[in-house]
N, C-alpha and C. Protein backbone atom coordinates (compact mmCIF):
# COMPACT_ATOMS: atom_id res chain seq x y z
N ASN A 1 -56.60 -22.06 285.80
CA ASN A 1 -56.25 -21.07 284.85
C ASN A 1 -56.78 -21.48 283.64
N ASP A 2 -57.55 -20.45 282.94
CA ASP A 2 -58.01 -20.63 281.62
C ASP A 2 -56.92 -20.84 280.53
N GLY A 3 -57.00 -21.93 279.55
CA GLY A 3 -56.02 -21.95 278.87
C GLY A 3 -55.83 -20.89 277.84
N TYR A 4 -56.59 -19.62 277.48
CA TYR A 4 -56.47 -18.68 276.70
C TYR A 4 -55.62 -17.54 277.32
N THR A 5 -55.65 -17.61 278.67
CA THR A 5 -55.08 -16.37 279.29
C THR A 5 -53.72 -16.64 279.79
N GLU A 6 -53.01 -17.79 279.74
CA GLU A 6 -51.84 -17.93 280.16
C GLU A 6 -50.72 -17.47 279.09
N VAL A 7 -50.55 -16.21 279.16
CA VAL A 7 -49.52 -15.39 278.38
C VAL A 7 -48.41 -14.71 279.09
N PRO A 8 -47.34 -14.76 278.52
CA PRO A 8 -46.16 -13.73 278.93
C PRO A 8 -46.55 -12.39 279.01
N GLU A 9 -45.77 -11.59 279.58
CA GLU A 9 -46.07 -10.14 279.64
C GLU A 9 -45.82 -9.55 278.19
N LYS A 10 -44.90 -9.88 277.49
CA LYS A 10 -44.74 -9.57 276.24
C LYS A 10 -44.81 -10.62 275.15
N SER A 11 -45.34 -10.62 274.08
CA SER A 11 -45.72 -11.53 273.02
C SER A 11 -44.31 -11.84 272.35
N ARG A 12 -44.11 -12.81 271.46
CA ARG A 12 -42.91 -12.93 270.95
C ARG A 12 -42.27 -12.05 270.11
N SER A 13 -43.22 -11.00 269.43
CA SER A 13 -42.76 -9.93 268.68
C SER A 13 -42.33 -8.77 269.73
N GLY A 14 -42.53 -8.84 270.86
CA GLY A 14 -42.09 -7.81 271.78
C GLY A 14 -43.29 -6.82 272.04
N GLU A 15 -44.48 -7.04 271.45
CA GLU A 15 -45.56 -6.20 271.58
C GLU A 15 -46.19 -6.55 272.90
N GLU A 16 -46.89 -5.41 273.66
CA GLU A 16 -47.62 -5.64 274.87
C GLU A 16 -48.70 -6.79 274.67
N SER A 17 -48.77 -7.52 275.59
CA SER A 17 -49.97 -8.57 275.44
C SER A 17 -51.38 -7.81 275.78
N ILE A 18 -52.24 -8.40 275.14
CA ILE A 18 -53.63 -8.10 275.27
C ILE A 18 -54.44 -8.80 276.23
N SER A 19 -54.99 -8.14 277.20
CA SER A 19 -56.00 -8.83 278.31
C SER A 19 -57.12 -9.49 277.51
N SER A 20 -57.55 -10.30 278.35
CA SER A 20 -58.89 -11.05 277.86
C SER A 20 -59.97 -10.10 277.51
N SER A 21 -60.29 -9.16 278.60
CA SER A 21 -61.29 -8.24 278.61
C SER A 21 -61.25 -7.41 277.22
N ASP A 22 -59.99 -6.86 277.01
CA ASP A 22 -59.63 -6.06 275.98
C ASP A 22 -59.85 -6.93 274.53
N ARG A 23 -59.54 -8.11 274.62
CA ARG A 23 -59.78 -9.02 273.47
C ARG A 23 -61.14 -9.20 273.18
N VAL A 24 -62.06 -9.30 274.19
CA VAL A 24 -63.67 -9.61 274.16
C VAL A 24 -64.07 -8.17 273.57
N ARG A 25 -63.71 -7.23 274.11
CA ARG A 25 -64.32 -5.87 273.62
C ARG A 25 -63.96 -5.78 271.96
N ARG A 26 -62.76 -6.08 271.62
CA ARG A 26 -62.41 -6.09 270.23
C ARG A 26 -63.23 -7.01 269.37
N LEU A 27 -63.44 -8.12 269.98
CA LEU A 27 -64.15 -9.24 269.24
C LEU A 27 -65.50 -9.04 268.96
N LYS A 28 -66.15 -8.22 269.88
CA LYS A 28 -67.62 -7.94 269.93
C LYS A 28 -67.98 -7.19 268.53
N ALA A 29 -66.65 -6.38 268.23
CA ALA A 29 -66.93 -5.51 266.98
C ALA A 29 -66.67 -6.25 265.81
N ILE A 30 -66.28 -7.37 265.60
CA ILE A 30 -66.03 -8.14 264.61
C ILE A 30 -67.09 -8.99 264.18
N PRO A 31 -67.57 -8.78 263.00
CA PRO A 31 -68.70 -9.57 262.63
C PRO A 31 -68.46 -11.10 262.34
N ARG A 32 -69.19 -12.03 262.69
CA ARG A 32 -69.03 -13.35 262.38
C ARG A 32 -69.18 -13.59 260.84
N HIS A 33 -68.20 -14.31 260.23
CA HIS A 33 -68.41 -14.84 259.02
C HIS A 33 -69.50 -15.59 258.55
N ALA A 34 -70.10 -15.54 257.64
CA ALA A 34 -71.55 -16.40 257.37
C ALA A 34 -70.97 -17.85 257.29
N ALA A 35 -69.84 -18.13 256.61
CA ALA A 35 -69.45 -19.48 256.43
C ALA A 35 -68.88 -20.18 257.91
N HIS A 36 -68.83 -19.43 258.91
CA HIS A 36 -68.41 -19.94 260.21
C HIS A 36 -69.59 -20.06 261.13
N HIS A 37 -70.60 -19.02 260.87
CA HIS A 37 -71.57 -18.98 261.83
C HIS A 37 -72.60 -20.30 262.01
N HIS A 38 -73.43 -20.38 260.90
CA HIS A 38 -74.39 -21.67 260.89
C HIS A 38 -74.49 -22.34 259.49
N GLN A 39 -74.49 -23.61 259.47
CA GLN A 39 -74.86 -24.38 258.21
C GLN A 39 -76.25 -24.01 257.94
N SER A 40 -76.88 -24.58 257.02
CA SER A 40 -78.24 -24.30 256.69
C SER A 40 -79.04 -25.12 257.79
N SER A 41 -78.51 -26.14 258.47
CA SER A 41 -79.27 -26.82 259.50
C SER A 41 -79.41 -25.96 260.79
N GLY A 42 -78.73 -24.87 260.94
CA GLY A 42 -78.88 -23.94 261.97
C GLY A 42 -77.85 -24.37 263.22
N VAL A 43 -77.04 -25.43 262.83
CA VAL A 43 -75.98 -25.88 263.89
C VAL A 43 -74.63 -25.19 263.52
N CYS A 44 -74.04 -24.70 264.56
CA CYS A 44 -72.73 -24.11 264.23
C CYS A 44 -71.73 -24.98 264.05
N GLU A 45 -70.60 -24.61 263.16
CA GLU A 45 -69.45 -25.52 262.78
C GLU A 45 -68.96 -26.25 263.86
N GLU A 46 -68.75 -25.60 265.11
CA GLU A 46 -68.12 -26.28 266.14
C GLU A 46 -68.64 -27.66 266.47
N THR A 47 -70.29 -27.45 266.64
CA THR A 47 -71.12 -28.53 267.03
C THR A 47 -70.98 -29.71 265.91
N LEU A 48 -70.92 -29.36 264.60
CA LEU A 48 -70.89 -30.24 263.52
C LEU A 48 -69.51 -31.11 263.70
N ARG A 49 -68.47 -30.43 264.08
CA ARG A 49 -67.10 -30.94 264.20
C ARG A 49 -67.14 -32.00 265.21
N LEU A 50 -67.70 -31.54 266.51
CA LEU A 50 -67.75 -32.25 267.58
C LEU A 50 -68.70 -33.79 267.31
N ARG A 51 -69.63 -33.51 266.68
CA ARG A 51 -70.48 -34.93 266.35
C ARG A 51 -69.65 -35.91 265.64
N ARG A 52 -68.70 -35.58 265.10
CA ARG A 52 -67.92 -36.69 264.58
C ARG A 52 -66.68 -37.23 265.42
N LYS A 53 -66.80 -36.51 266.37
CA LYS A 53 -65.56 -36.93 267.28
C LYS A 53 -66.05 -37.52 268.73
N LYS A 54 -67.33 -37.61 268.94
CA LYS A 54 -68.07 -38.03 270.10
C LYS A 54 -67.73 -39.48 270.31
N GLN A 55 -67.38 -40.00 271.47
CA GLN A 55 -67.19 -41.18 271.91
C GLN A 55 -67.98 -41.57 273.33
N THR A 56 -68.26 -42.84 273.40
CA THR A 56 -68.94 -43.17 274.69
C THR A 56 -67.98 -43.55 275.72
N LYS A 57 -68.15 -42.79 276.76
CA LYS A 57 -67.04 -42.92 277.93
C LYS A 57 -67.74 -42.49 279.06
N GLU A 58 -67.70 -43.15 280.09
CA GLU A 58 -68.13 -42.76 281.40
C GLU A 58 -67.41 -41.86 282.10
N LEU A 59 -67.81 -40.96 282.85
CA LEU A 59 -66.91 -39.89 283.70
C LEU A 59 -66.53 -40.75 285.01
N ASP A 60 -65.48 -41.37 285.05
CA ASP A 60 -64.96 -42.19 286.20
C ASP A 60 -64.51 -41.13 287.14
N GLN A 61 -64.20 -41.57 288.30
CA GLN A 61 -63.82 -40.74 289.36
C GLN A 61 -62.48 -40.09 289.05
N ALA A 62 -61.73 -40.64 288.49
CA ALA A 62 -60.45 -40.05 288.12
C ALA A 62 -60.53 -38.85 287.17
N ALA A 63 -61.52 -38.96 286.11
CA ALA A 63 -61.75 -38.03 285.33
C ALA A 63 -62.65 -36.88 285.99
N LYS A 64 -63.53 -37.34 286.99
CA LYS A 64 -64.34 -36.43 287.39
C LYS A 64 -63.33 -35.58 288.34
N SER A 65 -62.47 -36.04 289.10
CA SER A 65 -61.49 -35.20 289.78
C SER A 65 -60.84 -34.37 288.99
N LEU A 66 -60.39 -34.68 287.76
CA LEU A 66 -59.62 -33.77 286.88
C LEU A 66 -60.48 -32.73 286.49
N VAL A 67 -61.63 -32.88 286.18
CA VAL A 67 -62.74 -31.90 285.74
C VAL A 67 -63.05 -30.92 286.82
N LEU A 68 -63.24 -31.30 288.18
CA LEU A 68 -63.58 -30.42 289.14
C LEU A 68 -62.25 -29.69 289.47
N ALA A 69 -61.17 -30.18 289.44
CA ALA A 69 -59.73 -29.33 289.76
C ALA A 69 -59.82 -28.28 288.44
N ALA A 70 -60.19 -28.56 287.27
CA ALA A 70 -60.13 -27.68 286.05
C ALA A 70 -61.13 -26.52 286.43
N PHE A 71 -62.25 -26.84 286.82
CA PHE A 71 -63.27 -25.82 287.03
C PHE A 71 -62.82 -24.98 288.26
N ARG A 72 -62.20 -25.54 289.24
CA ARG A 72 -61.66 -24.77 290.35
C ARG A 72 -60.46 -23.75 289.93
N LYS A 73 -59.75 -24.21 288.89
CA LYS A 73 -58.60 -23.17 288.39
C LYS A 73 -59.20 -22.10 287.37
N SER A 74 -60.37 -22.37 286.76
CA SER A 74 -60.74 -21.60 285.72
C SER A 74 -61.38 -20.37 286.49
N ARG A 75 -60.95 -19.17 285.87
CA ARG A 75 -61.51 -17.84 286.59
C ARG A 75 -62.85 -17.74 286.27
N PHE A 76 -63.52 -18.39 285.35
CA PHE A 76 -64.87 -18.47 284.81
C PHE A 76 -65.84 -19.24 285.66
N CYS A 77 -65.20 -20.48 286.16
CA CYS A 77 -66.08 -21.51 286.92
C CYS A 77 -65.82 -21.56 288.36
N ARG A 78 -64.66 -20.95 288.99
CA ARG A 78 -64.30 -21.23 290.25
C ARG A 78 -65.44 -20.74 291.26
N HIS A 79 -66.09 -19.79 290.73
CA HIS A 79 -67.14 -19.20 291.75
C HIS A 79 -68.42 -20.06 291.95
N LEU A 80 -68.41 -21.08 291.01
CA LEU A 80 -69.68 -21.84 290.99
C LEU A 80 -69.67 -22.90 292.25
N GLU A 81 -71.03 -22.86 292.79
CA GLU A 81 -71.15 -23.68 294.01
C GLU A 81 -70.96 -25.35 293.67
N ALA A 82 -70.70 -25.94 294.64
CA ALA A 82 -70.59 -27.25 294.38
C ALA A 82 -71.58 -28.17 293.80
N GLU A 83 -72.76 -27.78 294.18
CA GLU A 83 -74.10 -28.29 293.31
C GLU A 83 -74.08 -28.04 291.99
N VAL A 84 -73.69 -26.88 291.57
CA VAL A 84 -73.79 -26.45 290.17
C VAL A 84 -72.72 -27.24 289.32
N VAL A 85 -71.60 -27.30 289.87
CA VAL A 85 -70.39 -27.96 289.36
C VAL A 85 -70.85 -29.65 289.22
N GLU A 86 -71.48 -30.15 290.21
CA GLU A 86 -72.03 -31.59 290.13
C GLU A 86 -73.00 -31.84 288.85
N SER A 87 -73.96 -30.59 288.70
CA SER A 87 -74.71 -30.75 287.54
C SER A 87 -74.12 -30.57 286.20
N LEU A 88 -73.10 -29.80 286.25
CA LEU A 88 -72.23 -29.70 284.94
C LEU A 88 -71.55 -31.05 284.77
N CYS A 89 -70.98 -31.62 285.62
CA CYS A 89 -70.37 -32.94 285.23
C CYS A 89 -71.20 -33.98 284.82
N LYS A 90 -72.62 -34.02 285.23
CA LYS A 90 -73.48 -34.96 284.76
C LYS A 90 -73.79 -34.83 283.16
N GLN A 91 -73.66 -33.58 282.64
CA GLN A 91 -73.79 -33.38 281.16
C GLN A 91 -72.64 -33.41 280.50
N LEU A 92 -71.61 -33.83 280.80
CA LEU A 92 -70.31 -33.82 280.09
C LEU A 92 -70.33 -35.03 279.16
N GLU A 93 -69.85 -34.79 278.06
CA GLU A 93 -69.73 -35.69 277.11
C GLU A 93 -68.24 -35.87 276.57
N TYR A 94 -67.80 -36.99 276.03
CA TYR A 94 -66.44 -37.30 275.77
C TYR A 94 -66.10 -37.26 274.39
N TYR A 95 -65.00 -36.58 273.92
CA TYR A 95 -64.56 -36.29 272.49
C TYR A 95 -63.11 -36.73 272.37
N ALA A 96 -62.98 -37.55 271.25
CA ALA A 96 -61.52 -38.09 271.05
C ALA A 96 -60.95 -37.20 269.65
N PHE A 97 -59.94 -36.64 269.61
CA PHE A 97 -59.30 -35.80 268.62
C PHE A 97 -57.81 -36.40 268.21
N LYS A 98 -57.63 -36.47 267.02
CA LYS A 98 -56.43 -36.94 266.32
C LYS A 98 -55.59 -35.75 266.30
N THR A 99 -54.21 -36.09 266.29
CA THR A 99 -53.09 -35.09 266.06
C THR A 99 -53.47 -34.23 264.78
N GLY A 100 -53.54 -32.90 265.01
CA GLY A 100 -53.77 -31.86 264.00
C GLY A 100 -55.17 -31.43 263.74
N ASP A 101 -56.25 -32.10 264.57
CA ASP A 101 -57.52 -31.79 264.60
C ASP A 101 -57.81 -30.55 265.26
N VAL A 102 -58.60 -29.72 264.49
CA VAL A 102 -59.05 -28.42 265.07
C VAL A 102 -60.18 -28.83 266.21
N ILE A 103 -60.23 -28.25 267.32
CA ILE A 103 -61.16 -28.41 268.39
C ILE A 103 -62.13 -27.03 268.41
N VAL A 104 -61.53 -25.96 268.42
CA VAL A 104 -62.29 -24.63 268.17
C VAL A 104 -61.56 -23.87 267.05
N ARG A 105 -62.36 -22.88 266.33
CA ARG A 105 -61.66 -22.01 265.49
C ARG A 105 -61.85 -20.66 265.57
N GLN A 106 -60.87 -19.71 265.78
CA GLN A 106 -60.81 -18.56 266.01
C GLN A 106 -61.90 -17.76 265.17
N GLY A 107 -62.79 -16.97 265.61
CA GLY A 107 -63.86 -16.19 264.94
C GLY A 107 -65.13 -17.09 264.90
N GLU A 108 -64.97 -18.34 264.93
CA GLU A 108 -66.41 -19.15 264.95
C GLU A 108 -67.16 -19.06 265.99
N GLU A 109 -68.50 -19.27 266.02
CA GLU A 109 -69.51 -19.27 267.10
C GLU A 109 -68.96 -20.39 268.15
N GLY A 110 -68.88 -20.09 269.45
CA GLY A 110 -68.51 -21.06 270.49
C GLY A 110 -69.88 -21.70 271.06
N ASP A 111 -69.84 -22.94 271.22
CA ASP A 111 -71.06 -23.54 271.67
C ASP A 111 -70.83 -24.76 272.77
N HIS A 112 -69.53 -24.72 273.17
CA HIS A 112 -69.17 -25.69 274.21
C HIS A 112 -68.09 -25.10 275.18
N LEU A 113 -68.02 -25.61 276.24
CA LEU A 113 -66.98 -25.83 277.25
C LEU A 113 -66.17 -26.86 277.27
N PHE A 114 -64.73 -26.88 277.49
CA PHE A 114 -63.95 -28.12 277.32
C PHE A 114 -63.15 -28.17 278.54
N VAL A 115 -62.88 -29.33 278.85
CA VAL A 115 -61.79 -29.81 279.77
C VAL A 115 -60.97 -30.79 279.10
N LEU A 116 -59.66 -30.54 278.99
CA LEU A 116 -58.72 -31.47 278.39
C LEU A 116 -58.42 -32.59 279.46
N GLU A 117 -58.56 -33.87 279.01
CA GLU A 117 -58.35 -35.03 279.95
C GLU A 117 -56.74 -35.54 279.51
N ALA A 118 -56.64 -35.76 278.29
CA ALA A 118 -55.51 -36.49 277.94
C ALA A 118 -54.82 -35.64 276.35
N GLY A 119 -53.64 -35.62 276.43
CA GLY A 119 -52.85 -35.10 275.30
C GLY A 119 -52.62 -33.63 275.54
N HIS A 120 -52.17 -32.94 274.42
CA HIS A 120 -51.76 -31.48 274.47
C HIS A 120 -52.26 -30.68 273.45
N LEU A 121 -52.87 -29.39 273.81
CA LEU A 121 -53.50 -28.63 272.49
C LEU A 121 -52.45 -27.53 272.24
N GLN A 122 -52.46 -26.97 270.97
CA GLN A 122 -51.98 -25.90 270.68
C GLN A 122 -53.05 -24.64 270.63
N VAL A 123 -52.77 -23.69 271.40
CA VAL A 123 -53.51 -22.44 271.05
C VAL A 123 -52.78 -21.46 270.11
N SER A 124 -53.67 -20.94 269.04
CA SER A 124 -53.24 -19.91 268.25
C SER A 124 -54.05 -18.93 268.07
N ILE A 125 -53.53 -17.79 267.92
CA ILE A 125 -54.27 -16.50 267.74
C ILE A 125 -53.57 -15.76 266.52
N ASN A 126 -54.68 -15.50 265.77
CA ASN A 126 -54.21 -14.83 264.17
C ASN A 126 -53.20 -15.62 263.80
N GLY A 127 -53.21 -16.96 263.78
CA GLY A 127 -52.17 -17.80 263.13
C GLY A 127 -50.97 -17.99 263.97
N ARG A 128 -50.62 -17.36 264.97
CA ARG A 128 -49.44 -17.40 265.69
C ARG A 128 -49.62 -18.37 266.92
N ASP A 129 -48.84 -19.15 267.06
CA ASP A 129 -48.77 -20.06 268.40
C ASP A 129 -48.65 -19.29 269.55
N TYR A 130 -49.55 -19.37 270.48
CA TYR A 130 -49.87 -18.63 271.61
C TYR A 130 -49.59 -19.47 272.98
N ASN A 131 -50.02 -20.59 273.01
CA ASN A 131 -49.81 -21.30 274.30
C ASN A 131 -50.17 -22.83 273.99
N VAL A 132 -49.75 -23.72 275.00
CA VAL A 132 -50.00 -25.15 274.60
C VAL A 132 -50.58 -25.58 276.20
N MET A 133 -51.83 -26.03 275.90
CA MET A 133 -52.52 -26.68 277.12
C MET A 133 -52.18 -28.19 277.34
N GLY A 134 -52.30 -28.50 278.75
CA GLY A 134 -52.29 -29.96 279.06
C GLY A 134 -53.38 -30.45 279.95
N PRO A 135 -53.41 -31.60 280.15
CA PRO A 135 -54.44 -32.19 280.91
C PRO A 135 -54.99 -31.38 282.38
N GLY A 136 -56.32 -31.30 282.16
CA GLY A 136 -56.68 -30.57 283.59
C GLY A 136 -57.02 -29.15 283.23
N GLN A 137 -56.84 -28.64 281.92
CA GLN A 137 -56.99 -27.32 281.60
C GLN A 137 -58.62 -27.14 281.08
N ALA A 138 -59.23 -26.11 281.53
CA ALA A 138 -60.74 -25.85 280.91
C ALA A 138 -60.53 -24.67 280.04
N PHE A 139 -61.17 -24.82 278.81
CA PHE A 139 -61.20 -23.55 278.01
C PHE A 139 -62.52 -23.56 277.25
N GLY A 140 -62.97 -22.28 276.60
CA GLY A 140 -64.14 -22.11 276.07
C GLY A 140 -65.09 -21.27 276.62
N CYS A 141 -64.91 -20.90 277.76
CA CYS A 141 -65.79 -20.02 278.50
C CYS A 141 -66.08 -18.66 277.87
N ILE A 142 -65.07 -18.02 277.26
CA ILE A 142 -65.32 -16.59 277.10
C ILE A 142 -66.29 -16.50 275.80
N ALA A 143 -66.34 -17.20 274.86
CA ALA A 143 -67.39 -17.12 273.96
C ALA A 143 -68.75 -17.53 274.42
N LEU A 144 -68.73 -18.41 275.38
CA LEU A 144 -70.19 -18.84 275.91
C LEU A 144 -70.70 -17.73 276.86
N LEU A 145 -69.77 -17.13 277.69
CA LEU A 145 -70.43 -15.92 278.63
C LEU A 145 -70.59 -14.73 277.99
N TYR A 146 -69.71 -14.24 276.96
CA TYR A 146 -69.72 -12.99 276.47
C TYR A 146 -70.39 -12.89 275.26
N ASN A 147 -70.84 -14.23 274.60
CA ASN A 147 -71.43 -14.08 273.40
C ASN A 147 -70.58 -13.59 272.13
N VAL A 148 -69.52 -13.86 272.14
CA VAL A 148 -68.35 -13.44 271.37
C VAL A 148 -67.96 -14.76 270.51
N PRO A 149 -67.39 -14.42 269.37
CA PRO A 149 -66.69 -15.50 268.56
C PRO A 149 -65.52 -16.11 269.37
N ARG A 150 -65.20 -17.17 269.10
CA ARG A 150 -63.97 -18.01 269.69
C ARG A 150 -62.69 -16.94 269.53
N THR A 151 -62.00 -16.73 270.68
CA THR A 151 -60.87 -15.88 270.65
C THR A 151 -59.56 -16.56 270.00
N ALA A 152 -59.59 -17.80 270.11
CA ALA A 152 -58.46 -18.46 269.36
C ALA A 152 -58.66 -19.89 268.66
N THR A 153 -57.71 -20.36 267.99
CA THR A 153 -57.92 -21.81 267.40
C THR A 153 -57.22 -22.67 268.45
N VAL A 154 -57.59 -23.88 268.64
CA VAL A 154 -57.19 -24.84 269.45
C VAL A 154 -57.22 -26.01 268.57
N THR A 155 -55.94 -26.60 268.49
CA THR A 155 -55.62 -27.74 267.71
C THR A 155 -54.85 -28.91 268.59
N ALA A 156 -55.26 -29.99 268.21
CA ALA A 156 -54.63 -31.21 268.94
C ALA A 156 -53.26 -31.23 268.26
N LYS A 157 -52.21 -31.08 269.42
CA LYS A 157 -50.86 -31.41 269.02
C LYS A 157 -50.47 -32.82 269.01
N GLU A 158 -51.35 -33.56 269.56
CA GLU A 158 -51.10 -35.06 269.59
C GLU A 158 -52.78 -35.68 269.90
N ASP A 159 -52.91 -37.11 269.76
CA ASP A 159 -54.30 -37.52 270.03
C ASP A 159 -54.48 -37.08 271.43
N ALA A 160 -55.93 -36.65 271.58
CA ALA A 160 -56.20 -35.93 272.80
C ALA A 160 -57.74 -36.21 273.10
N GLY A 161 -57.89 -36.32 274.34
CA GLY A 161 -59.39 -36.65 274.77
C GLY A 161 -59.87 -35.52 275.65
N LEU A 162 -60.94 -35.00 275.48
CA LEU A 162 -61.66 -33.96 276.10
C LEU A 162 -63.22 -34.15 276.54
N TRP A 163 -63.32 -33.52 277.63
CA TRP A 163 -64.68 -33.60 278.14
C TRP A 163 -65.59 -32.31 277.62
N ALA A 164 -66.46 -32.28 277.27
CA ALA A 164 -67.18 -31.11 276.70
C ALA A 164 -68.72 -31.06 277.22
N LEU A 165 -69.07 -29.74 277.60
CA LEU A 165 -70.34 -29.49 278.00
C LEU A 165 -70.99 -28.40 276.94
N GLU A 166 -72.37 -28.66 276.66
CA GLU A 166 -73.08 -27.82 275.68
C GLU A 166 -73.16 -26.55 276.36
N GLY A 167 -72.99 -25.42 275.53
CA GLY A 167 -72.97 -24.03 275.96
C GLY A 167 -74.24 -23.68 276.51
N SER A 168 -75.55 -23.94 275.98
CA SER A 168 -76.84 -23.62 276.39
C SER A 168 -76.97 -23.98 277.88
N TYR A 169 -76.44 -25.31 278.25
CA TYR A 169 -76.66 -25.87 279.50
C TYR A 169 -75.93 -25.12 280.50
N PHE A 170 -74.50 -24.78 280.16
CA PHE A 170 -73.64 -24.16 281.00
C PHE A 170 -74.13 -22.62 281.28
N ARG A 171 -74.60 -21.93 280.29
CA ARG A 171 -75.06 -20.66 280.42
C ARG A 171 -76.40 -20.66 281.25
N ASN A 172 -77.36 -21.53 281.21
CA ASN A 172 -78.54 -21.76 282.09
C ASN A 172 -78.16 -21.95 283.54
N LEU A 173 -77.24 -22.74 283.63
CA LEU A 173 -76.79 -22.98 285.15
C LEU A 173 -76.03 -21.81 285.73
N VAL A 174 -75.21 -21.27 284.91
CA VAL A 174 -74.44 -19.99 285.48
C VAL A 174 -75.64 -18.95 285.81
N ARG A 175 -76.58 -18.77 284.82
CA ARG A 175 -77.70 -17.73 285.09
C ARG A 175 -78.38 -17.88 286.45
N GLU A 176 -79.05 -19.29 286.56
CA GLU A 176 -79.55 -19.73 287.68
C GLU A 176 -78.84 -19.51 289.08
N HIS A 177 -77.46 -19.79 288.82
CA HIS A 177 -76.65 -19.55 290.03
C HIS A 177 -76.57 -17.85 290.40
N ALA A 178 -76.45 -17.07 289.40
CA ALA A 178 -76.30 -15.56 289.70
C ALA A 178 -77.71 -15.26 290.03
N GLU A 179 -78.82 -15.80 289.60
CA GLU A 179 -80.26 -15.34 290.10
C GLU A 179 -80.44 -15.70 291.54
N ARG A 180 -79.82 -16.90 291.81
CA ARG A 180 -80.03 -17.28 293.35
C ARG A 180 -79.28 -16.43 294.38
N HIS A 181 -78.02 -15.95 293.93
CA HIS A 181 -77.21 -15.16 294.75
C HIS A 181 -77.86 -13.85 294.73
N GLN A 182 -78.43 -13.40 293.72
CA GLN A 182 -78.94 -11.97 293.59
C GLN A 182 -80.06 -11.95 294.50
N ALA A 183 -80.96 -13.02 294.46
CA ALA A 183 -82.19 -13.06 295.36
C ALA A 183 -81.82 -13.28 296.90
N HIS A 184 -80.72 -13.86 297.16
CA HIS A 184 -80.29 -14.00 298.40
C HIS A 184 -79.64 -12.61 298.97
N ASN A 185 -79.01 -12.00 297.99
CA ASN A 185 -78.38 -10.57 298.55
C ASN A 185 -79.42 -9.47 298.83
N LEU A 186 -80.54 -9.55 298.05
CA LEU A 186 -81.63 -8.69 298.28
C LEU A 186 -82.23 -8.88 299.41
N HIS A 187 -82.42 -10.26 300.01
CA HIS A 187 -83.00 -10.41 301.37
C HIS A 187 -82.23 -10.21 302.74
N LEU A 188 -80.88 -9.78 302.45
CA LEU A 188 -79.98 -9.52 303.50
C LEU A 188 -80.50 -8.24 304.32
């Protein structure tokens, strides 16, 4: 299950919840703020934040099992073939966040896919707490796949460790996967 989509039928205020696809359509119409888009270096804010949090850590078997399970639960990744997921795992990098650190910010350009290994994360939309994610949850796919700004802000509720994959690598593998399936289907 994607961390952004675990929502009750009604929000706390009693309003109808908004589906992810409706949110994506609405967000496509929202211009990105220049301050959140790119620094003069051409690198998005998210990538700059991550650079300060990167740690050297090997993806051991326990972490790999957690990542594989997170991908299988994610509605955006579960259709990927085993060889694609293996390729994704080889490109993962580890990041450590302290309590209160922002991992992704609503409205900013998204450049990574994440899997939470340790700790808990608060998901907020428009400043309101929306969900709490725990270890083994993947998030960040919506911005990568649909080229829309981040749909939520995700903050560390406690010290947290995440595996992250660069968005361009993820998009390329997903595109190649889709092209292979299309070519196969055309030859049936």
